[in-house]
Amino acid sequence: MQHPSWGHGPDAHAWPRPFGADASHIQYAIGLGRTPPDEARLVEIGARLLRGIPEAGLRRTGRGAAPELR
């Protein structure tokens, strides 16, 4: 998935299935590609994309914290 506001190539994409869930949250992974945005830019992107979605959030994690998705 490439969102026009990301400014990144086609290697940025989201996985179609959640990788984690509990009673109040569902987690999806987004591959940010070979040259991911820095933390400040990711916050900016998340603020625009998630506006109007109650309790939605976007969080950057290190490679070791992300699940192995295929």
PDB file of N, CA and C in Angstrom:
ATOM      1  N   MET A   1       0.852  -1.164   0.000  1.00  0.00           N
ATOM      2  CA  MET A   1       0.000   0.000   0.000  1.00  0.00           C
ATOM      3  C   MET A   1       0.897   1.226   0.000  1.00  0.00           C
ATOM      4  N   GLN A   2       0.658   2.124  -0.858  1.00  0.00           N
ATOM      5  CA  GLN A   2       1.391   3.381  -0.847  1.00  0.00           C
ATOM      6  C   GLN A   2       0.387   4.503  -0.713  1.00  0.00           C
ATOM      7  N   HIS A   3       0.580   5.321   0.273  1.00  0.00           N
ATOM      8  CA  HIS A   3      -0.284   6.477   0.460  1.00  0.00           C
ATOM      9  C   HIS A   3       0.440   7.666  -0.153  1.00  0.00           C
ATOM     10  N   PRO A   4      -0.240   8.492  -0.926  1.00  0.00           N
ATOM     11  CA  PRO A   4       0.429   9.599  -1.606  1.00  0.00           C
ATOM     12  C   PRO A   4       1.174  10.533  -0.664  1.00  0.00           C
ATOM     13  N   SER A   5       0.704  10.698   0.550  1.00  0.00           N
ATOM     14  CA  SER A   5       1.360  11.635   1.465  1.00  0.00           C
ATOM     15  C   SER A   5       2.628  11.057   2.076  1.00  0.00           C
ATOM     16  N   TRP A   6       2.880   9.763   1.912  1.00  0.00           N
ATOM     17  CA  TRP A   6       4.070   9.167   2.519  1.00  0.00           C
ATOM     18  C   TRP A   6       5.332   9.596   1.789  1.00  0.00           C
ATOM     19  N   GLY A   7       5.239   9.744   0.489  1.00  0.00           N
ATOM     20  CA  GLY A   7       6.406  10.131  -0.276  1.00  0.00           C
ATOM     21  C   GLY A   7       7.434   9.025  -0.388  1.00  0.00           C
ATOM     22  N   HIS A   8       7.021   7.780  -0.271  1.00  0.00           N
ATOM     23  CA  HIS A   8       7.936   6.648  -0.350  1.00  0.00           C
ATOM     24  C   HIS A   8       7.517   5.734  -1.490  1.00  0.00           C
ATOM     25  N   GLY A   9       8.432   4.908  -1.916  1.00  0.00           N
ATOM     26  CA  GLY A   9       8.185   4.017  -3.034  1.00  0.00           C
ATOM     27  C   GLY A   9       7.248   2.876  -2.692  1.00  0.00           C
ATOM     28  N   PRO A  10       7.039   1.978  -3.630  1.00  0.00           N
ATOM     29  CA  PRO A  10       6.075   0.899  -3.464  1.00  0.00           C
ATOM     30  C   PRO A  10       6.501  -0.155  -2.447  1.00  0.00           C
ATOM     31  N   ASP A  11       7.671  -0.019  -1.815  1.00  0.00           N
ATOM     32  CA  ASP A  11       8.048  -1.012  -0.815  1.00  0.00           C
ATOM     33  C   ASP A  11       7.427  -0.718   0.549  1.00  0.00           C
ATOM     34  N   ALA A  12       6.654   0.358   0.691  1.00  0.00           N
ATOM     35  CA  ALA A  12       5.890   0.622   1.912  1.00  0.00           C
ATOM     36  C   ALA A  12       4.527  -0.041   1.741  1.00  0.00           C
ATOM     37  N   HIS A  13       4.151  -0.908   2.679  1.00  0.00           N
ATOM     38  CA  HIS A  13       2.885  -1.622   2.546  1.00  0.00           C
ATOM     39  C   HIS A  13       2.363  -2.078   3.903  1.00  0.00           C
ATOM     40  N   ALA A  14       1.085  -2.409   3.939  1.00  0.00           N
ATOM     41  CA  ALA A  14       0.444  -2.912   5.155  1.00  0.00           C
ATOM     42  C   ALA A  14       0.054  -4.374   4.940  1.00  0.00           C
ATOM     43  N   TRP A  15       0.087  -5.134   6.013  1.00  0.00           N
ATOM     44  CA  TRP A  15      -0.356  -6.518   5.945  1.00  0.00           C
ATOM     45  C   TRP A  15      -1.862  -6.544   6.156  1.00  0.00           C
ATOM     46  N   PRO A  16      -2.584  -7.380   5.427  1.00  0.00           N
ATOM     47  CA  PRO A  16      -4.053  -7.347   5.475  1.00  0.00           C
ATOM     48  C   PRO A  16      -4.669  -7.998   6.707  1.00  0.00           C
ATOM     49  N   ARG A  17      -3.884  -8.680   7.509  1.00  0.00           N
ATOM     50  CA  ARG A  17      -4.430  -9.363   8.682  1.00  0.00           C
ATOM     51  C   ARG A  17      -3.750  -8.848   9.956  1.00  0.00           C
ATOM     52  N   PRO A  18      -4.509  -8.795  11.060  1.00  0.00           N
ATOM     53  CA  PRO A  18      -3.881  -8.367  12.313  1.00  0.00           C
ATOM     54  C   PRO A  18      -2.866  -9.404  12.788  1.00  0.00           C
ATOM     55  N   PHE A  19      -1.823  -8.949  13.479  1.00  0.00           N
ATOM     56  CA  PHE A  19      -0.846  -9.892  14.025  1.00  0.00           C
ATOM     57  C   PHE A  19      -0.987 -10.024  15.531  1.00  0.00           C
ATOM     58  N   GLY A  20      -1.796  -9.198  16.140  1.00  0.00           N
ATOM     59  CA  GLY A  20      -1.991  -9.283  17.580  1.00  0.00           C
ATOM     60  C   GLY A  20      -3.299  -8.644  17.974  1.00  0.00           C
ATOM     61  N   ALA A  21      -3.859  -9.110  19.078  1.00  0.00           N
ATOM     62  CA  ALA A  21      -5.114  -8.547  19.573  1.00  0.00           C
ATOM     63  C   ALA A  21      -5.267  -8.879  21.046  1.00  0.00           C
ATOM     64  N   ASP A  22      -5.997  -8.019  21.739  1.00  0.00           N
ATOM     65  CA  ASP A  22      -6.433  -8.314  23.094  1.00  0.00           C
ATOM     66  C   ASP A  22      -7.868  -7.806  23.201  1.00  0.00           C
ATOM     67  N   ALA A  23      -8.397  -7.711  24.401  1.00  0.00           N
ATOM     68  CA  ALA A  23      -9.805  -7.342  24.572  1.00  0.00           C
ATOM     69  C   ALA A  23     -10.133  -5.947  24.040  1.00  0.00           C
ATOM     70  N   SER A  24      -9.133  -5.062  23.946  1.00  0.00           N
ATOM     71  CA  SER A  24      -9.446  -3.693  23.542  1.00  0.00           C
ATOM     72  C   SER A  24      -8.663  -3.176  22.331  1.00  0.00           C
ATOM     73  N   HIS A  25      -7.737  -3.963  21.787  1.00  0.00           N
ATOM     74  CA  HIS A  25      -6.904  -3.487  20.682  1.00  0.00           C
ATOM     75  C   HIS A  25      -6.681  -4.564  19.630  1.00  0.00           C
ATOM     76  N   ILE A  26      -6.501  -4.125  18.410  1.00  0.00           N
ATOM     77  CA  ILE A  26      -6.070  -4.995  17.319  1.00  0.00           C
ATOM     78  C   ILE A  26      -4.838  -4.340  16.717  1.00  0.00           C
ATOM     79  N   GLN A  27      -3.797  -5.124  16.446  1.00  0.00           N
ATOM     80  CA  GLN A  27      -2.548  -4.584  15.922  1.00  0.00           C
ATOM     81  C   GLN A  27      -2.324  -5.043  14.491  1.00  0.00           C
ATOM     82  N   TYR A  28      -1.982  -4.079  13.650  1.00  0.00           N
ATOM     83  CA  TYR A  28      -1.601  -4.342  12.266  1.00  0.00           C
ATOM     84  C   TYR A  28      -0.179  -3.854  12.072  1.00  0.00           C
ATOM     85  N   ALA A  29       0.539  -4.478  11.170  1.00  0.00           N
ATOM     86  CA  ALA A  29       1.908  -4.065  10.872  1.00  0.00           C
ATOM     87  C   ALA A  29       1.923  -3.317   9.540  1.00  0.00           C
ATOM     88  N   ILE A  30       2.774  -2.307   9.458  1.00  0.00           N
ATOM     89  CA  ILE A  30       2.979  -1.565   8.221  1.00  0.00           C
ATOM     90  C   ILE A  30       4.467  -1.621   7.909  1.00  0.00           C
ATOM     91  N   GLY A  31       4.799  -2.150   6.771  1.00  0.00           N
ATOM     92  CA  GLY A  31       6.192  -2.148   6.330  1.00  0.00           C
ATOM     93  C   GLY A  31       6.517  -0.775   5.762  1.00  0.00           C
ATOM     94  N   LEU A  32       7.492  -0.106   6.334  1.00  0.00           N
ATOM     95  CA  LEU A  32       7.802   1.263   5.924  1.00  0.00           C
ATOM     96  C   LEU A  32       8.846   1.346   4.817  1.00  0.00           C
ATOM     97  N   GLY A  33       9.295   0.219   4.334  1.00  0.00           N
ATOM     98  CA  GLY A  33      10.200   0.212   3.200  1.00  0.00           C
ATOM     99  C   GLY A  33      11.663   0.357   3.586  1.00  0.00           C
ATOM    100  N   ARG A  34      12.494   0.441   2.571  1.00  0.00           N
ATOM    101  CA  ARG A  34      13.942   0.500   2.792  1.00  0.00           C
ATOM    102  C   ARG A  34      14.413   1.817   3.380  1.00  0.00           C
ATOM    103  N   THR A  35      13.683   2.886   3.121  1.00  0.00           N
ATOM    104  CA  THR A  35      14.049   4.197   3.664  1.00  0.00           C
ATOM    105  C   THR A  35      12.845   4.772   4.415  1.00  0.00           C
ATOM    106  N   PRO A  36      12.580   4.248   5.601  1.00  0.00           N
ATOM    107  CA  PRO A  36      11.389   4.665   6.346  1.00  0.00           C
ATOM    108  C   PRO A  36      11.487   6.113   6.813  1.00  0.00           C
ATOM    109  N   PRO A  37      10.332   6.738   7.039  1.00  0.00           N
ATOM    110  CA  PRO A  37      10.344   8.103   7.559  1.00  0.00           C
ATOM    111  C   PRO A  37      10.896   8.123   8.987  1.00  0.00           C
ATOM    112  N   ASP A  38      11.455   9.258   9.377  1.00  0.00           N
ATOM    113  CA  ASP A  38      11.921   9.371  10.757  1.00  0.00           C
ATOM    114  C   ASP A  38      10.720   9.488  11.695  1.00  0.00           C
ATOM    115  N   GLU A  39      10.980   9.470  12.986  1.00  0.00           N
ATOM    116  CA  GLU A  39       9.909   9.458  13.983  1.00  0.00           C
ATOM    117  C   GLU A  39       8.974  10.655  13.837  1.00  0.00           C
ATOM    118  N   ALA A  40       9.524  11.848  13.639  1.00  0.00           N
ATOM    119  CA  ALA A  40       8.690  13.050  13.518  1.00  0.00           C
ATOM    120  C   ALA A  40       7.766  12.962  12.301  1.00  0.00           C
ATOM    121  N   ARG A  41       8.289  12.502  11.188  1.00  0.00           N
ATOM    122  CA  ARG A  41       7.467  12.381   9.974  1.00  0.00           C
ATOM    123  C   ARG A  41       6.406  11.304  10.142  1.00  0.00           C
ATOM    124  N   LEU A  42       6.733  10.219  10.816  1.00  0.00           N
ATOM    125  CA  LEU A  42       5.760   9.164  11.063  1.00  0.00           C
ATOM    126  C   LEU A  42       4.608   9.686  11.924  1.00  0.00           C
ATOM    127  N   VAL A  43       4.914  10.480  12.929  1.00  0.00           N
ATOM    128  CA  VAL A  43       3.868  11.079  13.765  1.00  0.00           C
ATOM    129  C   VAL A  43       2.962  11.966  12.915  1.00  0.00           C
ATOM    130  N   GLU A  44       3.554  12.746  12.036  1.00  0.00           N
ATOM    131  CA  GLU A  44       2.790  13.628  11.143  1.00  0.00           C
ATOM    132  C   GLU A  44       1.875  12.818  10.220  1.00  0.00           C
ATOM    133  N   ILE A  45       2.418  11.778   9.627  1.00  0.00           N
ATOM    134  CA  ILE A  45       1.632  10.914   8.732  1.00  0.00           C
ATOM    135  C   ILE A  45       0.488  10.266   9.501  1.00  0.00           C
ATOM    136  N   GLY A  46       0.795   9.730  10.671  1.00  0.00           N
ATOM    137  CA  GLY A  46      -0.218   9.065  11.487  1.00  0.00           C
ATOM    138  C   GLY A  46      -1.336  10.002  11.887  1.00  0.00           C
ATOM    139  N   ALA A  47      -0.999  11.231  12.237  1.00  0.00           N
ATOM    140  CA  ALA A  47      -2.012  12.205  12.642  1.00  0.00           C
ATOM    141  C   ALA A  47      -3.018  12.444  11.521  1.00  0.00           C
ATOM    142  N   ARG A  48      -2.534  12.526  10.291  1.00  0.00           N
ATOM    143  CA  ARG A  48      -3.441  12.743   9.154  1.00  0.00           C
ATOM    144  C   ARG A  48      -4.250  11.491   8.822  1.00  0.00           C
ATOM    145  N   LEU A  49      -3.578  10.345   8.770  1.00  0.00           N
ATOM    146  CA  LEU A  49      -4.266   9.113   8.361  1.00  0.00           C
ATOM    147  C   LEU A  49      -5.293   8.633   9.381  1.00  0.00           C
ATOM    148  N   LEU A  50      -5.025   8.867  10.646  1.00  0.00           N
ATOM    149  CA  LEU A  50      -5.881   8.311  11.695  1.00  0.00           C
ATOM    150  C   LEU A  50      -6.879   9.322  12.259  1.00  0.00           C
ATOM    151  N   ARG A  51      -6.887  10.521  11.728  1.00  0.00           N
ATOM    152  CA  ARG A  51      -7.822  11.537  12.200  1.00  0.00           C
ATOM    153  C   ARG A  51      -9.251  11.013  12.112  1.00  0.00           C
ATOM    154  N   GLY A  52     -10.002  11.155  13.173  1.00  0.00           N
ATOM    155  CA  GLY A  52     -11.394  10.736  13.184  1.00  0.00           C
ATOM    156  C   GLY A  52     -11.608   9.276  13.538  1.00  0.00           C
ATOM    157  N   ILE A  53     -10.541   8.538  13.781  1.00  0.00           N
ATOM    158  CA  ILE A  53     -10.686   7.141  14.193  1.00  0.00           C
ATOM    159  C   ILE A  53     -10.386   7.092  15.694  1.00  0.00           C
ATOM    160  N   PRO A  54     -11.429   6.964  16.521  1.00  0.00           N
ATOM    161  CA  PRO A  54     -11.230   7.002  17.972  1.00  0.00           C
ATOM    162  C   PRO A  54     -10.243   5.942  18.460  1.00  0.00           C
ATOM    163  N   GLU A  55      -9.343   6.344  19.293  1.00  0.00           N
ATOM    164  CA  GLU A  55      -8.368   5.481  19.963  1.00  0.00           C
ATOM    165  C   GLU A  55      -7.397   4.766  19.025  1.00  0.00           C
ATOM    166  N   ALA A  56      -7.318   5.189  17.778  1.00  0.00           N
ATOM    167  CA  ALA A  56      -6.353   4.592  16.852  1.00  0.00           C
ATOM    168  C   ALA A  56      -4.995   5.243  17.084  1.00  0.00           C
ATOM    169  N   GLY A  57      -3.939   4.483  16.889  1.00  0.00           N
ATOM    170  CA  GLY A  57      -2.606   5.017  17.073  1.00  0.00           C
ATOM    171  C   GLY A  57      -1.626   4.399  16.098  1.00  0.00           C
ATOM    172  N   LEU A  58      -0.513   5.069  15.949  1.00  0.00           N
ATOM    173  CA  LEU A  58       0.560   4.597  15.086  1.00  0.00           C
ATOM    174  C   LEU A  58       1.835   4.675  15.897  1.00  0.00           C
ATOM    175  N   ARG A  59       2.559   3.582  15.967  1.00  0.00           N
ATOM    176  CA  ARG A  59       3.759   3.519  16.793  1.00  0.00           C
ATOM    177  C   ARG A  59       4.867   2.829  16.025  1.00  0.00           C
ATOM    178  N   ARG A  60       6.039   3.422  16.055  1.00  0.00           N
ATOM    179  CA  ARG A  60       7.203   2.824  15.398  1.00  0.00           C
ATOM    180  C   ARG A  60       7.887   1.889  16.401  1.00  0.00           C
ATOM    181  N   THR A  61       8.233   0.716  15.933  1.00  0.00           N
ATOM    182  CA  THR A  61       8.952  -0.236  16.780  1.00  0.00           C
ATOM    183  C   THR A  61      10.240  -0.645  16.082  1.00  0.00           C
ATOM    184  N   GLY A  62      11.155  -1.130  16.860  1.00  0.00           N
ATOM    185  CA  GLY A  62      12.387  -1.644  16.289  1.00  0.00           C
ATOM    186  C   GLY A  62      12.141  -2.958  15.583  1.00  0.00           C
ATOM    187  N   ARG A  63      13.066  -3.329  14.765  1.00  0.00           N
ATOM    188  CA  ARG A  63      12.923  -4.560  13.993  1.00  0.00           C
ATOM    189  C   ARG A  63      12.678  -5.781  14.866  1.00  0.00           C
ATOM    190  N   GLY A  64      13.302  -5.851  16.023  1.00  0.00           N
ATOM    191  CA  GLY A  64      13.135  -7.001  16.903  1.00  0.00           C
ATOM    192  C   GLY A  64      11.749  -7.062  17.536  1.00  0.00           C
ATOM    193  N   ALA A  65      11.062  -5.925  17.644  1.00  0.00           N
ATOM    194  CA  ALA A  65       9.742  -5.886  18.256  1.00  0.00           C
ATOM    195  C   ALA A  65       8.626  -6.214  17.260  1.00  0.00           C
ATOM    196  N   ALA A  66       8.926  -6.114  15.990  1.00  0.00           N
ATOM    197  CA  ALA A  66       7.921  -6.388  14.962  1.00  0.00           C
ATOM    198  C   ALA A  66       7.861  -7.899  14.696  1.00  0.00           C
ATOM    199  N   PRO A  67       6.668  -8.394  14.399  1.00  0.00           N
ATOM    200  CA  PRO A  67       6.552  -9.818  14.101  1.00  0.00           C
ATOM    201  C   PRO A  67       7.121 -10.146  12.726  1.00  0.00           C
ATOM    202  N   GLU A  68       7.424 -11.396  12.507  1.00  0.00           N
ATOM    203  CA  GLU A  68       7.887 -11.867  11.215  1.00  0.00           C
ATOM    204  C   GLU A  68       6.652 -12.118  10.359  1.00  0.00           C
ATOM    205  N   LEU A  69       6.411 -11.289   9.365  1.00  0.00           N
ATOM    206  CA  LEU A  69       5.207 -11.387   8.523  1.00  0.00           C
ATOM    207  C   LEU A  69       5.609 -11.708   7.097  1.00  0.00           C
ATOM    208  N   ARG A  70       4.770 -12.482   6.410  1.00  0.00           N
ATOM    209  CA  ARG A  70       5.025 -12.843   5.011  1.00  0.00           C
ATOM    210  C   ARG A  70       3.795 -12.698   4.197  1.00  0.00           C
TER     211      ARG A  70
END
